[in-house]
Amino acid sequence: MKRLAALVLALMSLALPAHGVTAPVVVAQQAQDGPAVVIDDSEAIPADEAWTFRYLVPTLMALVLVLVVGLFVWYQRAVSGRYRVTE
């Protein structure tokens, strides 16, 4: 089994670099006077709230609330199970 795995690994290591070799790409360059893409900055982009503020913060607040309530309940059950109050 180890020999088969070593053989497959050796064959793959020989075959994979051959697929990575390609012919060089020749790109024709043209002389341009201006930029390739003109971007219009005159429009004001409305500022959206970040996704972290919209989703992550409320989720973390809910998780912390559940955690605090769970710890409070767990502590009360642990204390009441440990001590007995007699009247």
N, C-alpha and C. Protein backbone atom coordinates (compact mmCIF):
# COMPACT_ATOMS: atom_id res chain seq x y z
N MET A 1 0.82 -1.19 0.00
CA MET A 1 0.00 0.00 0.00
C MET A 1 0.87 1.26 0.00
N LYS A 2 1.97 1.21 0.77
CA LYS A 2 2.86 2.36 0.82
C LYS A 2 3.57 2.55 -0.53
N ARG A 3 3.89 1.43 -1.18
CA ARG A 3 4.54 1.53 -2.48
C ARG A 3 3.60 2.14 -3.51
N LEU A 4 2.32 1.76 -3.44
CA LEU A 4 1.34 2.31 -4.39
C LEU A 4 1.17 3.81 -4.16
N ALA A 5 1.10 4.21 -2.90
CA ALA A 5 0.96 5.63 -2.59
C ALA A 5 2.19 6.40 -3.05
N ALA A 6 3.37 5.84 -2.86
CA ALA A 6 4.60 6.50 -3.30
C ALA A 6 4.65 6.60 -4.82
N LEU A 7 4.21 5.54 -5.52
CA LEU A 7 4.19 5.55 -6.98
C LEU A 7 3.22 6.59 -7.52
N VAL A 8 2.02 6.67 -6.93
CA VAL A 8 1.04 7.66 -7.36
C VAL A 8 1.55 9.07 -7.11
N LEU A 9 2.15 9.29 -5.96
CA LEU A 9 2.71 10.60 -5.64
C LEU A 9 3.83 10.97 -6.60
N ALA A 10 4.68 10.03 -6.93
CA ALA A 10 5.78 10.30 -7.86
C ALA A 10 5.25 10.62 -9.26
N LEU A 11 4.26 9.87 -9.72
CA LEU A 11 3.69 10.14 -11.04
C LEU A 11 2.98 11.48 -11.09
N MET A 12 2.28 11.82 -10.02
CA MET A 12 1.60 13.11 -9.99
C MET A 12 2.59 14.26 -9.96
N SER A 13 3.70 14.10 -9.23
CA SER A 13 4.68 15.17 -9.16
C SER A 13 5.38 15.36 -10.50
N LEU A 14 5.46 14.30 -11.30
CA LEU A 14 6.06 14.44 -12.63
C LEU A 14 5.07 15.04 -13.62
N ALA A 15 3.79 14.71 -13.47
CA ALA A 15 2.79 15.14 -14.45
C ALA A 15 2.31 16.57 -14.21
N LEU A 16 2.21 17.00 -12.97
CA LEU A 16 1.64 18.31 -12.69
C LEU A 16 2.48 19.48 -13.19
N PRO A 17 3.79 19.49 -13.05
CA PRO A 17 4.54 20.64 -13.57
C PRO A 17 4.45 20.77 -15.08
N ALA A 18 4.25 19.67 -15.80
CA ALA A 18 4.16 19.74 -17.25
C ALA A 18 2.93 20.52 -17.69
N HIS A 19 1.85 20.46 -16.93
CA HIS A 19 0.64 21.20 -17.29
C HIS A 19 0.78 22.68 -16.98
N GLY A 20 1.68 23.03 -16.10
CA GLY A 20 1.85 24.42 -15.71
C GLY A 20 2.68 25.22 -16.71
N VAL A 21 3.41 24.56 -17.59
CA VAL A 21 4.25 25.25 -18.56
C VAL A 21 3.39 25.67 -19.74
N THR A 22 3.37 26.93 -20.04
CA THR A 22 2.60 27.44 -21.18
C THR A 22 3.48 28.34 -22.02
N ALA A 23 3.02 28.63 -23.20
CA ALA A 23 3.75 29.53 -24.09
C ALA A 23 3.60 30.95 -23.58
N PRO A 24 4.60 31.78 -23.77
CA PRO A 24 4.49 33.17 -23.30
C PRO A 24 3.39 33.91 -24.07
N VAL A 25 2.68 34.75 -23.36
CA VAL A 25 1.59 35.51 -23.95
C VAL A 25 2.14 36.85 -24.41
N VAL A 26 1.86 37.19 -25.66
CA VAL A 26 2.33 38.45 -26.22
C VAL A 26 1.15 39.42 -26.20
N VAL A 27 1.34 40.55 -25.56
CA VAL A 27 0.29 41.55 -25.45
C VAL A 27 0.69 42.75 -26.29
N ALA A 28 -0.19 43.12 -27.19
CA ALA A 28 0.08 44.29 -28.01
C ALA A 28 -0.25 45.54 -27.22
N GLN A 29 0.67 46.47 -27.16
CA GLN A 29 0.46 47.69 -26.43
C GLN A 29 0.13 48.81 -27.40
N GLN A 30 -0.87 49.59 -27.03
CA GLN A 30 -1.27 50.71 -27.87
C GLN A 30 -1.01 52.00 -27.10
N ALA A 31 -0.63 53.01 -27.83
CA ALA A 31 -0.40 54.30 -27.21
C ALA A 31 -1.75 54.96 -26.95
N GLN A 32 -2.00 55.35 -25.69
CA GLN A 32 -3.25 56.01 -25.34
C GLN A 32 -2.93 57.35 -24.70
N ASP A 33 -3.78 58.31 -25.00
CA ASP A 33 -3.58 59.64 -24.44
C ASP A 33 -4.17 59.78 -23.04
N GLY A 34 -5.23 59.03 -22.74
CA GLY A 34 -5.91 59.18 -21.46
C GLY A 34 -6.05 57.84 -20.76
N PRO A 35 -6.75 57.85 -19.65
CA PRO A 35 -6.95 56.60 -18.90
C PRO A 35 -7.89 55.65 -19.65
N ALA A 36 -7.76 54.39 -19.37
CA ALA A 36 -8.59 53.38 -20.03
C ALA A 36 -10.03 53.46 -19.55
N VAL A 37 -10.25 53.77 -18.29
CA VAL A 37 -11.60 53.86 -17.73
C VAL A 37 -11.73 55.21 -17.03
N VAL A 38 -12.78 55.93 -17.39
CA VAL A 38 -13.03 57.22 -16.77
C VAL A 38 -14.08 57.04 -15.70
N ILE A 39 -13.77 57.47 -14.47
CA ILE A 39 -14.68 57.32 -13.34
C ILE A 39 -15.21 58.69 -12.98
N ASP A 40 -16.54 58.78 -12.89
CA ASP A 40 -17.18 60.05 -12.55
C ASP A 40 -17.33 60.14 -11.04
N ASP A 41 -16.62 61.06 -10.42
CA ASP A 41 -16.64 61.23 -8.97
C ASP A 41 -17.62 62.29 -8.50
N SER A 42 -18.44 62.82 -9.41
CA SER A 42 -19.34 63.91 -9.02
C SER A 42 -20.50 63.43 -8.16
N GLU A 43 -20.87 62.16 -8.28
CA GLU A 43 -21.99 61.64 -7.48
C GLU A 43 -21.52 61.32 -6.07
N ALA A 44 -22.34 61.68 -5.10
CA ALA A 44 -22.03 61.36 -3.72
C ALA A 44 -22.56 59.96 -3.42
N ILE A 45 -21.73 59.12 -2.91
CA ILE A 45 -22.12 57.75 -2.58
C ILE A 45 -22.71 57.75 -1.18
N PRO A 46 -23.95 57.24 -1.03
CA PRO A 46 -24.53 57.22 0.31
C PRO A 46 -23.77 56.25 1.22
N ALA A 47 -23.54 56.69 2.43
CA ALA A 47 -22.79 55.87 3.39
C ALA A 47 -23.72 54.84 4.02
N ASP A 48 -23.44 53.58 3.77
CA ASP A 48 -24.20 52.50 4.39
C ASP A 48 -23.50 52.07 5.66
N GLU A 49 -24.29 51.53 6.58
CA GLU A 49 -23.69 50.99 7.79
C GLU A 49 -22.88 49.76 7.42
N ALA A 50 -21.81 49.57 8.11
CA ALA A 50 -20.97 48.40 7.86
C ALA A 50 -21.73 47.13 8.27
N TRP A 51 -21.44 46.03 7.59
CA TRP A 51 -22.14 44.79 7.89
C TRP A 51 -21.84 44.33 9.31
N THR A 52 -20.67 44.70 9.82
CA THR A 52 -20.35 44.28 11.18
C THR A 52 -21.26 44.99 12.19
N PHE A 53 -21.57 46.23 11.92
CA PHE A 53 -22.45 46.95 12.82
C PHE A 53 -23.88 46.47 12.68
N ARG A 54 -24.29 46.12 11.48
CA ARG A 54 -25.68 45.71 11.25
C ARG A 54 -25.97 44.30 11.74
N TYR A 55 -25.02 43.39 11.60
CA TYR A 55 -25.29 41.99 11.91
C TYR A 55 -24.47 41.45 13.08
N LEU A 56 -23.19 41.74 13.10
CA LEU A 56 -22.32 41.13 14.10
C LEU A 56 -22.55 41.69 15.50
N VAL A 57 -22.72 42.99 15.62
CA VAL A 57 -22.90 43.60 16.93
C VAL A 57 -24.20 43.14 17.60
N PRO A 58 -25.37 43.17 16.93
CA PRO A 58 -26.57 42.66 17.60
C PRO A 58 -26.49 41.17 17.93
N THR A 59 -25.85 40.40 17.07
CA THR A 59 -25.70 38.97 17.35
C THR A 59 -24.84 38.75 18.58
N LEU A 60 -23.74 39.47 18.68
CA LEU A 60 -22.87 39.33 19.85
C LEU A 60 -23.57 39.81 21.13
N MET A 61 -24.37 40.87 21.02
CA MET A 61 -25.09 41.35 22.20
C MET A 61 -26.10 40.31 22.67
N ALA A 62 -26.82 39.69 21.75
CA ALA A 62 -27.78 38.64 22.12
C ALA A 62 -27.06 37.45 22.73
N LEU A 63 -25.91 37.08 22.17
CA LEU A 63 -25.15 35.96 22.70
C LEU A 63 -24.65 36.24 24.11
N VAL A 64 -24.18 37.45 24.35
CA VAL A 64 -23.70 37.81 25.69
C VAL A 64 -24.86 37.79 26.68
N LEU A 65 -26.03 38.27 26.27
CA LEU A 65 -27.19 38.26 27.15
C LEU A 65 -27.59 36.83 27.51
N VAL A 66 -27.61 35.95 26.52
CA VAL A 66 -27.94 34.55 26.79
C VAL A 66 -26.88 33.92 27.69
N LEU A 67 -25.63 34.26 27.48
CA LEU A 67 -24.55 33.72 28.30
C LEU A 67 -24.66 34.18 29.75
N VAL A 68 -24.96 35.46 29.97
CA VAL A 68 -25.08 35.98 31.33
C VAL A 68 -26.27 35.34 32.04
N VAL A 69 -27.39 35.23 31.35
CA VAL A 69 -28.57 34.59 31.97
C VAL A 69 -28.27 33.13 32.26
N GLY A 70 -27.61 32.43 31.34
CA GLY A 70 -27.27 31.02 31.55
C GLY A 70 -26.33 30.83 32.71
N LEU A 71 -25.33 31.71 32.84
CA LEU A 71 -24.40 31.61 33.97
C LEU A 71 -25.09 31.90 35.29
N PHE A 72 -26.02 32.85 35.30
CA PHE A 72 -26.77 33.16 36.52
C PHE A 72 -27.61 31.97 36.95
N VAL A 73 -28.31 31.35 36.01
CA VAL A 73 -29.13 30.18 36.34
C VAL A 73 -28.24 29.03 36.80
N TRP A 74 -27.12 28.80 36.11
CA TRP A 74 -26.22 27.72 36.49
C TRP A 74 -25.66 27.95 37.89
N TYR A 75 -25.30 29.18 38.23
CA TYR A 75 -24.75 29.49 39.55
C TYR A 75 -25.80 29.27 40.63
N GLN A 76 -27.04 29.71 40.38
CA GLN A 76 -28.11 29.53 41.36
C GLN A 76 -28.38 28.05 41.62
N ARG A 77 -28.37 27.24 40.56
CA ARG A 77 -28.60 25.81 40.74
C ARG A 77 -27.43 25.15 41.47
N ALA A 78 -26.21 25.60 41.20
CA ALA A 78 -25.05 25.01 41.87
C ALA A 78 -25.04 25.36 43.35
N VAL A 79 -25.40 26.59 43.69
CA VAL A 79 -25.41 27.02 45.08
C VAL A 79 -26.55 26.33 45.83
N SER A 80 -27.72 26.25 45.23
CA SER A 80 -28.85 25.62 45.92
C SER A 80 -28.64 24.12 46.08
N GLY A 81 -27.88 23.51 45.18
CA GLY A 81 -27.60 22.08 45.32
C GLY A 81 -26.52 21.80 46.34
N ARG A 82 -25.68 22.77 46.64
CA ARG A 82 -24.58 22.58 47.56
C ARG A 82 -24.99 22.81 49.02
N TYR A 83 -25.84 23.79 49.24
CA TYR A 83 -26.23 24.16 50.60
C TYR A 83 -27.71 23.89 50.81
N ARG A 84 -28.05 23.53 52.03
CA ARG A 84 -29.44 23.33 52.41
C ARG A 84 -29.81 24.34 53.48
N VAL A 85 -30.93 24.97 53.28
CA VAL A 85 -31.41 25.97 54.26
C VAL A 85 -32.49 25.27 55.10
N THR A 86 -32.28 25.25 56.40
CA THR A 86 -33.26 24.64 57.31
C THR A 86 -33.86 25.74 58.17
N GLU A 87 -35.15 25.59 58.38
CA GLU A 87 -35.83 26.60 59.20
C GLU A 87 -36.33 25.98 60.47
